[in-house]
PDB file of all heavy atoms in Angstrom:
ATOM      1  N   PRO A   1      -5.595  40.604  34.413  1.00  0.00           N
ATOM      2  CA  PRO A   1      -4.324  40.215  33.790  1.00  0.00           C
ATOM      3  C   PRO A   1      -4.095  38.711  33.916  1.00  0.00           C
ATOM      4  O   PRO A   1      -4.331  38.113  34.975  1.00  0.00           O
ATOM      5  CB  PRO A   1      -3.279  40.998  34.589  1.00  0.00           C
ATOM      6  CG  PRO A   1      -4.019  42.130  35.193  1.00  0.00           C
ATOM      7  CD  PRO A   1      -5.389  41.604  35.480  1.00  0.00           C
ATOM      8  N   GLY A   2      -3.654  38.096  32.828  1.00  0.00           N
ATOM      9  CA  GLY A   2      -3.293  36.683  32.845  1.00  0.00           C
ATOM     10  C   GLY A   2      -4.441  35.722  32.705  1.00  0.00           C
ATOM     11  O   GLY A   2      -4.219  34.509  32.609  1.00  0.00           O
ATOM     12  N   ARG A   3      -5.658  36.213  32.675  1.00  0.00           N
ATOM     13  CA  ARG A   3      -6.804  35.298  32.630  1.00  0.00           C
ATOM     14  C   ARG A   3      -7.154  34.850  31.212  1.00  0.00           C
ATOM     15  O   ARG A   3      -7.609  33.717  31.020  1.00  0.00           O
ATOM     16  CB  ARG A   3      -8.018  35.964  33.267  1.00  0.00           C
ATOM     17  CG  ARG A   3      -9.278  35.119  33.181  1.00  0.00           C
ATOM     18  CD  ARG A   3     -10.374  35.621  34.096  1.00  0.00           C
ATOM     19  NE  ARG A   3     -11.594  34.865  33.919  1.00  0.00           N
ATOM     20  CZ  ARG A   3     -12.667  34.953  34.709  1.00  0.00           C
ATOM     21  NH1 ARG A   3     -12.667  35.778  35.741  1.00  0.00           N
ATOM     22  NH2 ARG A   3     -13.750  34.225  34.475  1.00  0.00           N
ATOM     23  N   TYR A   4      -6.919  35.705  30.230  1.00  0.00           N
ATOM     24  CA  TYR A   4      -7.423  35.441  28.882  1.00  0.00           C
ATOM     25  C   TYR A   4      -6.288  35.186  27.895  1.00  0.00           C
ATOM     26  O   TYR A   4      -5.202  35.735  28.008  1.00  0.00           O
ATOM     27  CB  TYR A   4      -8.289  36.614  28.409  1.00  0.00           C
ATOM     28  CG  TYR A   4      -9.457  36.855  29.338  1.00  0.00           C
ATOM     29  CD1 TYR A   4      -9.399  37.867  30.304  1.00  0.00           C
ATOM     30  CD2 TYR A   4     -10.586  36.042  29.284  1.00  0.00           C
ATOM     31  CE1 TYR A   4     -10.454  38.068  31.174  1.00  0.00           C
ATOM     32  CE2 TYR A   4     -11.643  36.241  30.160  1.00  0.00           C
ATOM     33  CZ  TYR A   4     -11.572  37.247  31.103  1.00  0.00           C
ATOM     34  OH  TYR A   4     -12.614  37.440  31.979  1.00  0.00           O
ATOM     35  N   HIS A   5      -6.614  34.357  26.901  1.00  0.00           N
ATOM     36  CA  HIS A   5      -5.660  33.988  25.858  1.00  0.00           C
ATOM     37  C   HIS A   5      -6.322  34.171  24.506  1.00  0.00           C
ATOM     38  O   HIS A   5      -7.489  33.829  24.323  1.00  0.00           O
ATOM     39  CB  HIS A   5      -5.201  32.536  26.021  1.00  0.00           C
ATOM     40  CG  HIS A   5      -4.176  32.112  25.017  1.00  0.00           C
ATOM     41  ND1 HIS A   5      -2.849  32.468  25.123  1.00  0.00           N
ATOM     42  CD2 HIS A   5      -4.284  31.372  23.884  1.00  0.00           C
ATOM     43  CE1 HIS A   5      -2.179  31.953  24.106  1.00  0.00           C
ATOM     44  NE2 HIS A   5      -3.034  31.295  23.331  1.00  0.00           N
ATOM     45  N   LEU A   6      -5.558  34.690  23.559  1.00  0.00           N
ATOM     46  CA  LEU A   6      -6.058  34.942  22.217  1.00  0.00           C
ATOM     47  C   LEU A   6      -5.436  33.943  21.253  1.00  0.00           C
ATOM     48  O   LEU A   6      -4.212  33.883  21.115  1.00  0.00           O
ATOM     49  CB  LEU A   6      -5.698  36.373  21.808  1.00  0.00           C
ATOM     50  CG  LEU A   6      -6.263  36.930  20.514  1.00  0.00           C
ATOM     51  CD1 LEU A   6      -7.785  37.015  20.565  1.00  0.00           C
ATOM     52  CD2 LEU A   6      -5.661  38.311  20.234  1.00  0.00           C
ATOM     53  N   TYR A   7      -6.280  33.140  20.621  1.00  0.00           N
ATOM     54  CA  TYR A   7      -5.828  32.258  19.544  1.00  0.00           C
ATOM     55  C   TYR A   7      -5.960  33.030  18.232  1.00  0.00           C
ATOM     56  O   TYR A   7      -7.045  33.510  17.894  1.00  0.00           O
ATOM     57  CB  TYR A   7      -6.665  30.981  19.481  1.00  0.00           C
ATOM     58  CG  TYR A   7      -6.420  30.010  20.613  1.00  0.00           C
ATOM     59  CD1 TYR A   7      -7.433  29.689  21.521  1.00  0.00           C
ATOM     60  CD2 TYR A   7      -5.192  29.382  20.755  1.00  0.00           C
ATOM     61  CE1 TYR A   7      -7.223  28.780  22.550  1.00  0.00           C
ATOM     62  CE2 TYR A   7      -4.960  28.469  21.785  1.00  0.00           C
ATOM     63  CZ  TYR A   7      -5.982  28.172  22.671  1.00  0.00           C
ATOM     64  OH  TYR A   7      -5.765  27.269  23.686  1.00  0.00           O
ATOM     65  N   ALA A   8      -4.864  33.127  17.483  1.00  0.00           N
ATOM     66  CA  ALA A   8      -4.846  33.962  16.288  1.00  0.00           C
ATOM     67  C   ALA A   8      -4.224  33.201  15.119  1.00  0.00           C
ATOM     68  O   ALA A   8      -3.760  32.063  15.250  1.00  0.00           O
ATOM     69  CB  ALA A   8      -4.066  35.246  16.555  1.00  0.00           C
ATOM     70  N   SER A   9      -4.223  33.864  13.962  1.00  0.00           N
ATOM     71  CA  SER A   9      -3.619  33.327  12.751  1.00  0.00           C
ATOM     72  C   SER A   9      -2.956  34.462  11.988  1.00  0.00           C
ATOM     73  O   SER A   9      -3.502  35.568  11.928  1.00  0.00           O
ATOM     74  CB  SER A   9      -4.686  32.673  11.861  1.00  0.00           C
ATOM     75  OG  SER A   9      -4.205  32.469  10.541  1.00  0.00           O
ATOM     76  N   TYR A  10      -1.801  34.203  11.403  1.00  0.00           N
ATOM     77  CA  TYR A  10      -1.135  35.216  10.589  1.00  0.00           C
ATOM     78  C   TYR A  10      -1.886  35.455   9.280  1.00  0.00           C
ATOM     79  O   TYR A  10      -1.734  36.510   8.668  1.00  0.00           O
ATOM     80  CB  TYR A  10       0.306  34.799  10.275  1.00  0.00           C
ATOM     81  CG  TYR A  10       1.258  35.046  11.412  1.00  0.00           C
ATOM     82  CD1 TYR A  10       1.649  34.009  12.253  1.00  0.00           C
ATOM     83  CD2 TYR A  10       1.788  36.311  11.651  1.00  0.00           C
ATOM     84  CE1 TYR A  10       2.530  34.233  13.305  1.00  0.00           C
ATOM     85  CE2 TYR A  10       2.672  36.545  12.693  1.00  0.00           C
ATOM     86  CZ  TYR A  10       3.027  35.497  13.521  1.00  0.00           C
ATOM     87  OH  TYR A  10       3.897  35.731  14.564  1.00  0.00           O
ATOM     88  N   THR A  11      -2.663  34.491   8.819  1.00  0.00           N
ATOM     89  CA  THR A  11      -3.354  34.647   7.544  1.00  0.00           C
ATOM     90  C   THR A  11      -4.617  35.486   7.673  1.00  0.00           C
ATOM     91  O   THR A  11      -5.010  36.158   6.727  1.00  0.00           O
ATOM     92  CB  THR A  11      -3.742  33.273   6.956  1.00  0.00           C
ATOM     93  OG1 THR A  11      -4.713  32.652   7.791  1.00  0.00           O
ATOM     94  CG2 THR A  11      -2.532  32.370   6.833  1.00  0.00           C
ATOM     95  N   CYS A  12      -5.259  35.484   8.814  1.00  0.00           N
ATOM     96  CA  CYS A  12      -6.579  36.073   8.983  1.00  0.00           C
ATOM     97  C   CYS A  12      -6.497  37.552   9.363  1.00  0.00           C
ATOM     98  O   CYS A  12      -5.922  37.890  10.403  1.00  0.00           O
ATOM     99  CB  CYS A  12      -7.356  35.307  10.050  1.00  0.00           C
ATOM    100  SG  CYS A  12      -8.948  36.066  10.482  1.00  0.00           S
ATOM    101  N   PRO A  13      -7.078  38.461   8.572  1.00  0.00           N
ATOM    102  CA  PRO A  13      -7.010  39.880   8.926  1.00  0.00           C
ATOM    103  C   PRO A  13      -7.739  40.208  10.221  1.00  0.00           C
ATOM    104  O   PRO A  13      -7.322  41.090  10.979  1.00  0.00           O
ATOM    105  CB  PRO A  13      -7.666  40.576   7.729  1.00  0.00           C
ATOM    106  CG  PRO A  13      -8.514  39.530   7.085  1.00  0.00           C
ATOM    107  CD  PRO A  13      -7.794  38.243   7.300  1.00  0.00           C
ATOM    108  N   TRP A  14      -8.841  39.500  10.499  1.00  0.00           N
ATOM    109  CA  TRP A  14      -9.599  39.771  11.724  1.00  0.00           C
ATOM    110  C   TRP A  14      -8.787  39.380  12.955  1.00  0.00           C
ATOM    111  O   TRP A  14      -8.839  40.064  13.986  1.00  0.00           O
ATOM    112  CB  TRP A  14     -10.922  39.022  11.689  1.00  0.00           C
ATOM    113  CG  TRP A  14     -11.786  39.413  10.539  1.00  0.00           C
ATOM    114  CD1 TRP A  14     -12.035  38.688   9.409  1.00  0.00           C
ATOM    115  CD2 TRP A  14     -12.511  40.645  10.380  1.00  0.00           C
ATOM    116  NE1 TRP A  14     -12.866  39.376   8.576  1.00  0.00           N
ATOM    117  CE2 TRP A  14     -13.181  40.578   9.140  1.00  0.00           C
ATOM    118  CE3 TRP A  14     -12.659  41.783  11.177  1.00  0.00           C
ATOM    119  CZ2 TRP A  14     -13.991  41.618   8.676  1.00  0.00           C
ATOM    120  CZ3 TRP A  14     -13.461  42.813  10.705  1.00  0.00           C
ATOM    121  CH2 TRP A  14     -14.111  42.718   9.472  1.00  0.00           C
ATOM    122  N   ALA A  15      -8.050  38.276  12.850  1.00  0.00           N
ATOM    123  CA  ALA A  15      -7.206  37.864  13.963  1.00  0.00           C
ATOM    124  C   ALA A  15      -6.048  38.835  14.145  1.00  0.00           C
ATOM    125  O   ALA A  15      -5.704  39.213  15.276  1.00  0.00           O
ATOM    126  CB  ALA A  15      -6.686  36.446  13.733  1.00  0.00           C
ATOM    127  N   GLN A  16      -5.428  39.260  13.044  1.00  0.00           N
ATOM    128  CA  GLN A  16      -4.335  40.220  13.164  1.00  0.00           C
ATOM    129  C   GLN A  16      -4.828  41.526  13.765  1.00  0.00           C
ATOM    130  O   GLN A  16      -4.138  42.156  14.573  1.00  0.00           O
ATOM    131  CB  GLN A  16      -3.688  40.489  11.805  1.00  0.00           C
ATOM    132  CG  GLN A  16      -2.448  41.378  11.938  1.00  0.00           C
ATOM    133  CD  GLN A  16      -1.780  41.687  10.619  1.00  0.00           C
ATOM    134  OE1 GLN A  16      -2.384  41.572   9.549  1.00  0.00           O
ATOM    135  NE2 GLN A  16      -0.519  42.094  10.674  1.00  0.00           N
ATOM    136  N   ARG A  17      -6.029  41.948  13.397  1.00  0.00           N
ATOM    137  CA  ARG A  17      -6.600  43.165  13.965  1.00  0.00           C
ATOM    138  C   ARG A  17      -6.646  43.078  15.492  1.00  0.00           C
ATOM    139  O   ARG A  17      -6.266  44.016  16.198  1.00  0.00           O
ATOM    140  CB  ARG A  17      -8.002  43.369  13.397  1.00  0.00           C
ATOM    141  CG  ARG A  17      -8.766  44.557  13.944  1.00  0.00           C
ATOM    142  CD  ARG A  17     -10.196  44.506  13.418  1.00  0.00           C
ATOM    143  NE  ARG A  17     -11.044  45.517  14.024  1.00  0.00           N
ATOM    144  CZ  ARG A  17     -12.366  45.424  14.080  1.00  0.00           C
ATOM    145  NH1 ARG A  17     -12.980  44.357  13.572  1.00  0.00           N
ATOM    146  NH2 ARG A  17     -13.091  46.384  14.636  1.00  0.00           N
ATOM    147  N   ALA A  18      -7.104  41.939  16.018  1.00  0.00           N
ATOM    148  CA  ALA A  18      -7.192  41.774  17.472  1.00  0.00           C
ATOM    149  C   ALA A  18      -5.820  41.819  18.122  1.00  0.00           C
ATOM    150  O   ALA A  18      -5.639  42.434  19.180  1.00  0.00           O
ATOM    151  CB  ALA A  18      -7.897  40.456  17.799  1.00  0.00           C
ATOM    152  N   VAL A  19      -4.821  41.180  17.500  1.00  0.00           N
ATOM    153  CA  VAL A  19      -3.482  41.153  18.091  1.00  0.00           C
ATOM    154  C   VAL A  19      -2.843  42.539  18.045  1.00  0.00           C
ATOM    155  O   VAL A  19      -2.179  42.963  19.001  1.00  0.00           O
ATOM    156  CB  VAL A  19      -2.593  40.111  17.392  1.00  0.00           C
ATOM    157  CG1 VAL A  19      -1.206  40.097  18.031  1.00  0.00           C
ATOM    158  CG2 VAL A  19      -3.209  38.717  17.479  1.00  0.00           C
ATOM    159  N   ILE A  20      -3.039  43.263  16.942  1.00  0.00           N
ATOM    160  CA  ILE A  20      -2.483  44.611  16.860  1.00  0.00           C
ATOM    161  C   ILE A  20      -3.082  45.503  17.945  1.00  0.00           C
ATOM    162  O   ILE A  20      -2.367  46.266  18.614  1.00  0.00           O
ATOM    163  CB  ILE A  20      -2.715  45.229  15.469  1.00  0.00           C
ATOM    164  CG1 ILE A  20      -1.881  44.506  14.414  1.00  0.00           C
ATOM    165  CG2 ILE A  20      -2.353  46.717  15.474  1.00  0.00           C
ATOM    166  CD1 ILE A  20      -2.159  44.955  12.983  1.00  0.00           C
ATOM    167  N   VAL A  21      -4.398  45.418  18.147  1.00  0.00           N
ATOM    168  CA  VAL A  21      -5.034  46.214  19.200  1.00  0.00           C
ATOM    169  C   VAL A  21      -4.435  45.854  20.555  1.00  0.00           C
ATOM    170  O   VAL A  21      -4.109  46.735  21.363  1.00  0.00           O
ATOM    171  CB  VAL A  21      -6.557  46.003  19.192  1.00  0.00           C
ATOM    172  CG1 VAL A  21      -7.197  46.557  20.471  1.00  0.00           C
ATOM    173  CG2 VAL A  21      -7.177  46.672  17.971  1.00  0.00           C
ATOM    174  N   ARG A  22      -4.269  44.566  20.827  1.00  0.00           N
ATOM    175  CA  ARG A  22      -3.645  44.132  22.086  1.00  0.00           C
ATOM    176  C   ARG A  22      -2.277  44.752  22.254  1.00  0.00           C
ATOM    177  O   ARG A  22      -1.928  45.294  23.312  1.00  0.00           O
ATOM    178  CB  ARG A  22      -3.546  42.604  22.112  1.00  0.00           C
ATOM    179  CG  ARG A  22      -2.896  42.056  23.384  1.00  0.00           C
ATOM    180  CD  ARG A  22      -2.345  40.649  23.197  1.00  0.00           C
ATOM    181  NE  ARG A  22      -1.053  40.663  22.518  1.00  0.00           N
ATOM    182  CZ  ARG A  22      -0.018  39.895  22.853  1.00  0.00           C
ATOM    183  NH1 ARG A  22      -0.113  39.047  23.863  1.00  0.00           N
ATOM    184  NH2 ARG A  22       1.107  39.947  22.168  1.00  0.00           N
ATOM    185  N   ASP A  23      -1.462  44.701  21.197  1.00  0.00           N
ATOM    186  CA  ASP A  23      -0.086  45.183  21.287  1.00  0.00           C
ATOM    187  C   ASP A  23      -0.031  46.704  21.379  1.00  0.00           C
ATOM    188  O   ASP A  23       0.735  47.257  22.180  1.00  0.00           O
ATOM    189  CB  ASP A  23       0.715  44.689  20.088  1.00  0.00           C
ATOM    190  CG  ASP A  23       0.980  43.186  20.132  1.00  0.00           C
ATOM    191  OD1 ASP A  23       0.479  42.528  21.067  1.00  0.00           O
ATOM    192  OD2 ASP A  23       1.672  42.679  19.233  1.00  0.00           O
ATOM    193  N   LEU A  24      -0.824  47.391  20.561  1.00  0.00           N
ATOM    194  CA  LEU A  24      -0.827  48.850  20.597  1.00  0.00           C
ATOM    195  C   LEU A  24      -1.286  49.375  21.954  1.00  0.00           C
ATOM    196  O   LEU A  24      -0.775  50.386  22.446  1.00  0.00           O
ATOM    197  CB  LEU A  24      -1.749  49.409  19.512  1.00  0.00           C
ATOM    198  CG  LEU A  24      -1.213  49.537  18.097  1.00  0.00           C
ATOM    199  CD1 LEU A  24      -2.320  50.030  17.178  1.00  0.00           C
ATOM    200  CD2 LEU A  24      -0.013  50.467  18.029  1.00  0.00           C
ATOM    201  N   ALA A  25      -2.266  48.693  22.540  1.00  0.00           N
ATOM    202  CA  ALA A  25      -2.799  49.132  23.828  1.00  0.00           C
ATOM    203  C   ALA A  25      -1.845  48.858  24.983  1.00  0.00           C
ATOM    204  O   ALA A  25      -2.088  49.311  26.102  1.00  0.00           O
ATOM    205  CB  ALA A  25      -4.150  48.466  24.091  1.00  0.00           C
ATOM    206  N   GLY A  26      -0.773  48.117  24.725  1.00  0.00           N
ATOM    207  CA  GLY A  26       0.193  47.808  25.778  1.00  0.00           C
ATOM    208  C   GLY A  26      -0.216  46.642  26.649  1.00  0.00           C
ATOM    209  O   GLY A  26       0.104  46.607  27.841  1.00  0.00           O
ATOM    210  N   LEU A  27      -0.897  45.653  26.057  1.00  0.00           N
ATOM    211  CA  LEU A  27      -1.455  44.544  26.838  1.00  0.00           C
ATOM    212  C   LEU A  27      -0.728  43.223  26.611  1.00  0.00           C
ATOM    213  O   LEU A  27      -1.277  42.156  26.902  1.00  0.00           O
ATOM    214  CB  LEU A  27      -2.941  44.370  26.497  1.00  0.00           C
ATOM    215  CG  LEU A  27      -3.839  45.585  26.768  1.00  0.00           C
ATOM    216  CD1 LEU A  27      -5.256  45.316  26.266  1.00  0.00           C
ATOM    217  CD2 LEU A  27      -3.858  45.928  28.255  1.00  0.00           C
ATOM    218  N   ARG A  28       0.500  43.269  26.126  1.00  0.00           N
ATOM    219  CA  ARG A  28       1.216  42.019  25.858  1.00  0.00           C
ATOM    220  C   ARG A  28       1.393  41.173  27.110  1.00  0.00           C
ATOM    221  O   ARG A  28       1.381  39.944  27.038  1.00  0.00           O
ATOM    222  CB  ARG A  28       2.587  42.326  25.242  1.00  0.00           C
ATOM    223  CG  ARG A  28       2.529  42.844  23.830  1.00  0.00           C
ATOM    224  CD  ARG A  28       3.904  42.876  23.197  1.00  0.00           C
ATOM    225  NE  ARG A  28       3.858  43.375  21.827  1.00  0.00           N
ATOM    226  CZ  ARG A  28       4.853  43.240  20.959  1.00  0.00           C
ATOM    227  NH1 ARG A  28       5.973  42.627  21.341  1.00  0.00           N
ATOM    228  NH2 ARG A  28       4.752  43.705  19.752  1.00  0.00           N
ATOM    229  N   ASP A  29       1.559  41.807  28.248  1.00  0.00           N
ATOM    230  CA  ASP A  29       1.735  41.060  29.494  1.00  0.00           C
ATOM    231  C   ASP A  29       0.410  40.824  30.221  1.00  0.00           C
ATOM    232  O   ASP A  29       0.409  40.265  31.317  1.00  0.00           O
ATOM    233  CB  ASP A  29       2.688  41.829  30.426  1.00  0.00           C
ATOM    234  CG  ASP A  29       4.095  41.926  29.855  1.00  0.00           C
ATOM    235  OD1 ASP A  29       4.512  40.996  29.153  1.00  0.00           O
ATOM    236  OD2 ASP A  29       4.767  42.947  30.115  1.00  0.00           O
ATOM    237  N   VAL A  30      -0.676  41.244  29.599  1.00  0.00           N
ATOM    238  CA  VAL A  30      -1.997  41.133  30.226  1.00  0.00           C
ATOM    239  C   VAL A  30      -2.826  40.040  29.563  1.00  0.00           C
ATOM    240  O   VAL A  30      -3.502  39.245  30.233  1.00  0.00           O
ATOM    241  CB  VAL A  30      -2.729  42.491  30.157  1.00  0.00           C
ATOM    242  CG1 VAL A  30      -4.151  42.380  30.719  1.00  0.00           C
ATOM    243  CG2 VAL A  30      -1.944  43.558  30.908  1.00  0.00           C
ATOM    244  N   VAL A  31      -2.790  39.976  28.235  1.00  0.00           N
ATOM    245  CA  VAL A  31      -3.510  38.963  27.454  1.00  0.00           C
ATOM    246  C   VAL A  31      -2.483  38.229  26.603  1.00  0.00           C
ATOM    247  O   VAL A  31      -1.776  38.854  25.801  1.00  0.00           O
ATOM    248  CB  VAL A  31      -4.589  39.599  26.559  1.00  0.00           C
ATOM    249  CG1 VAL A  31      -5.294  38.531  25.725  1.00  0.00           C
ATOM    250  CG2 VAL A  31      -5.601  40.382  27.389  1.00  0.00           C
ATOM    251  N   SER A  32      -2.383  36.929  26.748  1.00  0.00           N
ATOM    252  CA  SER A  32      -1.406  36.154  25.980  1.00  0.00           C
ATOM    253  C   SER A  32      -1.966  35.816  24.604  1.00  0.00           C
ATOM    254  O   SER A  32      -3.171  35.909  24.349  1.00  0.00           O
ATOM    255  CB  SER A  32      -1.031  34.873  26.728  1.00  0.00           C
ATOM    256  OG  SER A  32      -2.193  34.107  27.026  1.00  0.00           O
ATOM    257  N   VAL A  33      -1.082  35.412  23.683  1.00  0.00           N
ATOM    258  CA  VAL A  33      -1.496  35.089  22.322  1.00  0.00           C
ATOM    259  C   VAL A  33      -0.663  33.931  21.792  1.00  0.00           C
ATOM    260  O   VAL A  33       0.503  33.762  22.170  1.00  0.00           O
ATOM    261  CB  VAL A  33      -1.364  36.321  21.393  1.00  0.00           C
ATOM    262  CG1 VAL A  33       0.083  36.727  21.222  1.00  0.00           C
ATOM    263  CG2 VAL A  33      -2.014  36.086  20.041  1.00  0.00           C
ATOM    264  N   SER A  34      -1.259  33.125  20.956  1.00  0.00           N
ATOM    265  CA  SER A  34      -0.535  32.101  20.210  1.00  0.00           C
ATOM    266  C   SER A  34      -1.196  31.950  18.847  1.00  0.00           C
ATOM    267  O   SER A  34      -2.315  32.412  18.623  1.00  0.00           O
ATOM    268  CB  SER A  34      -0.511  30.767  20.958  1.00  0.00           C
ATOM    269  OG  SER A  34      -1.822  30.249  21.112  1.00  0.00           O
ATOM    270  N   TYR A  35      -0.474  31.268  17.929  1.00  0.00           N
ATOM    271  CA  TYR A  35      -0.914  31.215  16.537  1.00  0.00           C
ATOM    272  C   TYR A  35      -1.157  29.786  16.067  1.00  0.00           C
ATOM    273  O   TYR A  35      -0.380  28.873  16.373  1.00  0.00           O
ATOM    274  CB  TYR A  35       0.142  31.856  15.630  1.00  0.00           C
ATOM    275  CG  TYR A  35       0.198  33.358  15.740  1.00  0.00           C
ATOM    276  CD1 TYR A  35       1.003  33.983  16.697  1.00  0.00           C
ATOM    277  CD2 TYR A  35      -0.558  34.157  14.889  1.00  0.00           C
ATOM    278  CE1 TYR A  35       1.050  35.370  16.798  1.00  0.00           C
ATOM    279  CE2 TYR A  35      -0.511  35.541  14.991  1.00  0.00           C
ATOM    280  CZ  TYR A  35       0.291  36.143  15.937  1.00  0.00           C
ATOM    281  OH  TYR A  35       0.336  37.503  16.045  1.00  0.00           O
ATOM    282  N   VAL A  36      -2.208  29.633  15.289  1.00  0.00           N
ATOM    283  CA  VAL A  36      -2.437  28.376  14.587  1.00  0.00           C
ATOM    284  C   VAL A  36      -1.590  28.362  13.319  1.00  0.00           C
ATOM    285  O   VAL A  36      -1.080  29.389  12.884  1.00  0.00           O
ATOM    286  CB  VAL A  36      -3.928  28.187  14.230  1.00  0.00           C
ATOM    287  CG1 VAL A  36      -4.767  28.037  15.492  1.00  0.00           C
ATOM    288  CG2 VAL A  36      -4.451  29.346  13.378  1.00  0.00           C
ATOM    289  N   ASP A  37      -1.466  27.196  12.714  1.00  0.00           N
ATOM    290  CA  ASP A  37      -0.723  27.053  11.471  1.00  0.00           C
ATOM    291  C   ASP A  37      -1.486  27.729  10.332  1.00  0.00           C
ATOM    292  O   ASP A  37      -2.708  27.923  10.396  1.00  0.00           O
ATOM    293  CB  ASP A  37      -0.533  25.568  11.166  1.00  0.00           C
ATOM    294  CG  ASP A  37       0.370  25.331   9.980  1.00  0.00           C
ATOM    295  OD1 ASP A  37       1.500  25.851   9.982  1.00  0.00           O
ATOM    296  OD2 ASP A  37      -0.058  24.638   9.031  1.00  0.00           O
ATOM    297  N   ASP A  38      -0.763  28.094   9.277  1.00  0.00           N
ATOM    298  CA  ASP A  38      -1.386  28.788   8.150  1.00  0.00           C
ATOM    299  C   ASP A  38      -2.307  27.885   7.337  1.00  0.00           C
ATOM    300  O   ASP A  38      -3.241  28.377   6.688  1.00  0.00           O
ATOM    301  CB  ASP A  38      -0.303  29.328   7.208  1.00  0.00           C
ATOM    302  CG  ASP A  38       0.626  30.321   7.873  1.00  0.00           C
ATOM    303  OD1 ASP A  38       0.464  30.597   9.078  1.00  0.00           O
ATOM    304  OD2 ASP A  38       1.532  30.823   7.180  1.00  0.00           O
ATOM    305  N   ASP A  39      -2.036  26.592   7.300  1.00  0.00           N
ATOM    306  CA  ASP A  39      -2.762  25.672   6.424  1.00  0.00           C
ATOM    307  C   ASP A  39      -3.830  24.903   7.193  1.00  0.00           C
ATOM    308  O   ASP A  39      -3.658  24.592   8.377  1.00  0.00           O
ATOM    309  CB  ASP A  39      -1.795  24.677   5.778  1.00  0.00           C
ATOM    310  CG  ASP A  39      -0.734  25.361   4.934  1.00  0.00           C
ATOM    311  OD1 ASP A  39      -1.063  26.402   4.316  1.00  0.00           O
ATOM    312  OD2 ASP A  39       0.405  24.868   4.889  1.00  0.00           O
ATOM    313  N   ARG A  40      -4.914  24.568   6.517  1.00  0.00           N
ATOM    314  CA  ARG A  40      -5.960  23.772   7.155  1.00  0.00           C
ATOM    315  C   ARG A  40      -6.636  22.864   6.141  1.00  0.00           C
ATOM    316  O   ARG A  40      -6.666  23.148   4.939  1.00  0.00           O
ATOM    317  CB  ARG A  40      -6.990  24.670   7.844  1.00  0.00           C
ATOM    318  CG  ARG A  40      -7.679  25.673   6.955  1.00  0.00           C
ATOM    319  CD  ARG A  40      -8.679  26.519   7.721  1.00  0.00           C
ATOM    320  NE  ARG A  40      -9.161  27.616   6.894  1.00  0.00           N
ATOM    321  CZ  ARG A  40     -10.183  28.397   7.205  1.00  0.00           C
ATOM    322  NH1 ARG A  40     -10.842  28.183   8.334  1.00  0.00           N
ATOM    323  NH2 ARG A  40     -10.552  29.377   6.409  1.00  0.00           N
ATOM    324  N   ASP A  41      -7.154  21.780   6.642  1.00  0.00           N
ATOM    325  CA  ASP A  41      -7.993  20.880   5.864  1.00  0.00           C
ATOM    326  C   ASP A  41      -9.350  20.826   6.573  1.00  0.00           C
ATOM    327  O   ASP A  41      -9.693  21.744   7.330  1.00  0.00           O
ATOM    328  CB  ASP A  41      -7.336  19.498   5.722  1.00  0.00           C
ATOM    329  CG  ASP A  41      -6.873  18.924   7.059  1.00  0.00           C
ATOM    330  OD1 ASP A  41      -7.520  19.212   8.095  1.00  0.00           O
ATOM    331  OD2 ASP A  41      -5.871  18.193   7.088  1.00  0.00           O
ATOM    332  N   ALA A  42     -10.118  19.784   6.362  1.00  0.00           N
ATOM    333  CA  ALA A  42     -11.469  19.719   6.931  1.00  0.00           C
ATOM    334  C   ALA A  42     -11.467  19.741   8.455  1.00  0.00           C
ATOM    335  O   ALA A  42     -12.501  20.047   9.069  1.00  0.00           O
ATOM    336  CB  ALA A  42     -12.191  18.466   6.425  1.00  0.00           C
ATOM    337  N   ARG A  43     -10.334  19.464   9.074  1.00  0.00           N
ATOM    338  CA  ARG A  43     -10.258  19.479  10.541  1.00  0.00           C
ATOM    339  C   ARG A  43     -10.211  20.900  11.098  1.00  0.00           C
ATOM    340  O   ARG A  43     -10.365  21.102  12.303  1.00  0.00           O
ATOM    341  CB  ARG A  43      -9.020  18.704  10.996  1.00  0.00           C
ATOM    342  CG  ARG A  43      -9.044  17.216  10.641  1.00  0.00           C
ATOM    343  CD  ARG A  43      -7.718  16.557  10.967  1.00  0.00           C
ATOM    344  NE  ARG A  43      -6.630  17.062  10.132  1.00  0.00           N
ATOM    345  CZ  ARG A  43      -5.348  16.738  10.287  1.00  0.00           C
ATOM    346  NH1 ARG A  43      -4.992  15.918  11.269  1.00  0.00           N
ATOM    347  NH2 ARG A  43      -4.428  17.231   9.459  1.00  0.00           N
ATOM    348  N   GLY A  44      -9.995  21.891  10.236  1.00  0.00           N
ATOM    349  CA  GLY A  44      -9.934  23.272  10.681  1.00  0.00           C
ATOM    350  C   GLY A  44      -8.531  23.694  11.067  1.00  0.00           C
ATOM    351  O   GLY A  44      -7.541  23.029  10.755  1.00  0.00           O
ATOM    352  N   TRP A  45      -8.436  24.823  11.772  1.00  0.00           N
ATOM    353  CA  TRP A  45      -7.141  25.345  12.188  1.00  0.00           C
ATOM    354  C   TRP A  45      -6.443  24.365  13.139  1.00  0.00           C
ATOM    355  O   TRP A  45      -7.086  23.734  13.965  1.00  0.00           O
ATOM    356  CB  TRP A  45      -7.307  26.688  12.889  1.00  0.00           C
ATOM    357  CG  TRP A  45      -7.871  27.781  12.034  1.00  0.00           C
ATOM    358  CD1 TRP A  45      -9.079  28.394  12.171  1.00  0.00           C
ATOM    359  CD2 TRP A  45      -7.246  28.395  10.899  1.00  0.00           C
ATOM    360  NE1 TRP A  45      -9.247  29.351  11.202  1.00  0.00           N
ATOM    361  CE2 TRP A  45      -8.130  29.380  10.409  1.00  0.00           C
ATOM    362  CE3 TRP A  45      -6.011  28.216  10.259  1.00  0.00           C
ATOM    363  CZ2 TRP A  45      -7.835  30.168   9.300  1.00  0.00           C
ATOM    364  CZ3 TRP A  45      -5.716  29.007   9.156  1.00  0.00           C
ATOM    365  CH2 TRP A  45      -6.616  29.969   8.688  1.00  0.00           C
TER     366      TRP A  45
END
């Protein structure tokens, strides 16, 4: 618990899949999550 962090995006289905699994499994207080912005240029997320 508390060791891992998930970087996600609201636009990406693969990222949402990971966050939904985290939340459904009851791991909100075990694995933290934050989101990148929806828009990107050559610098990436």
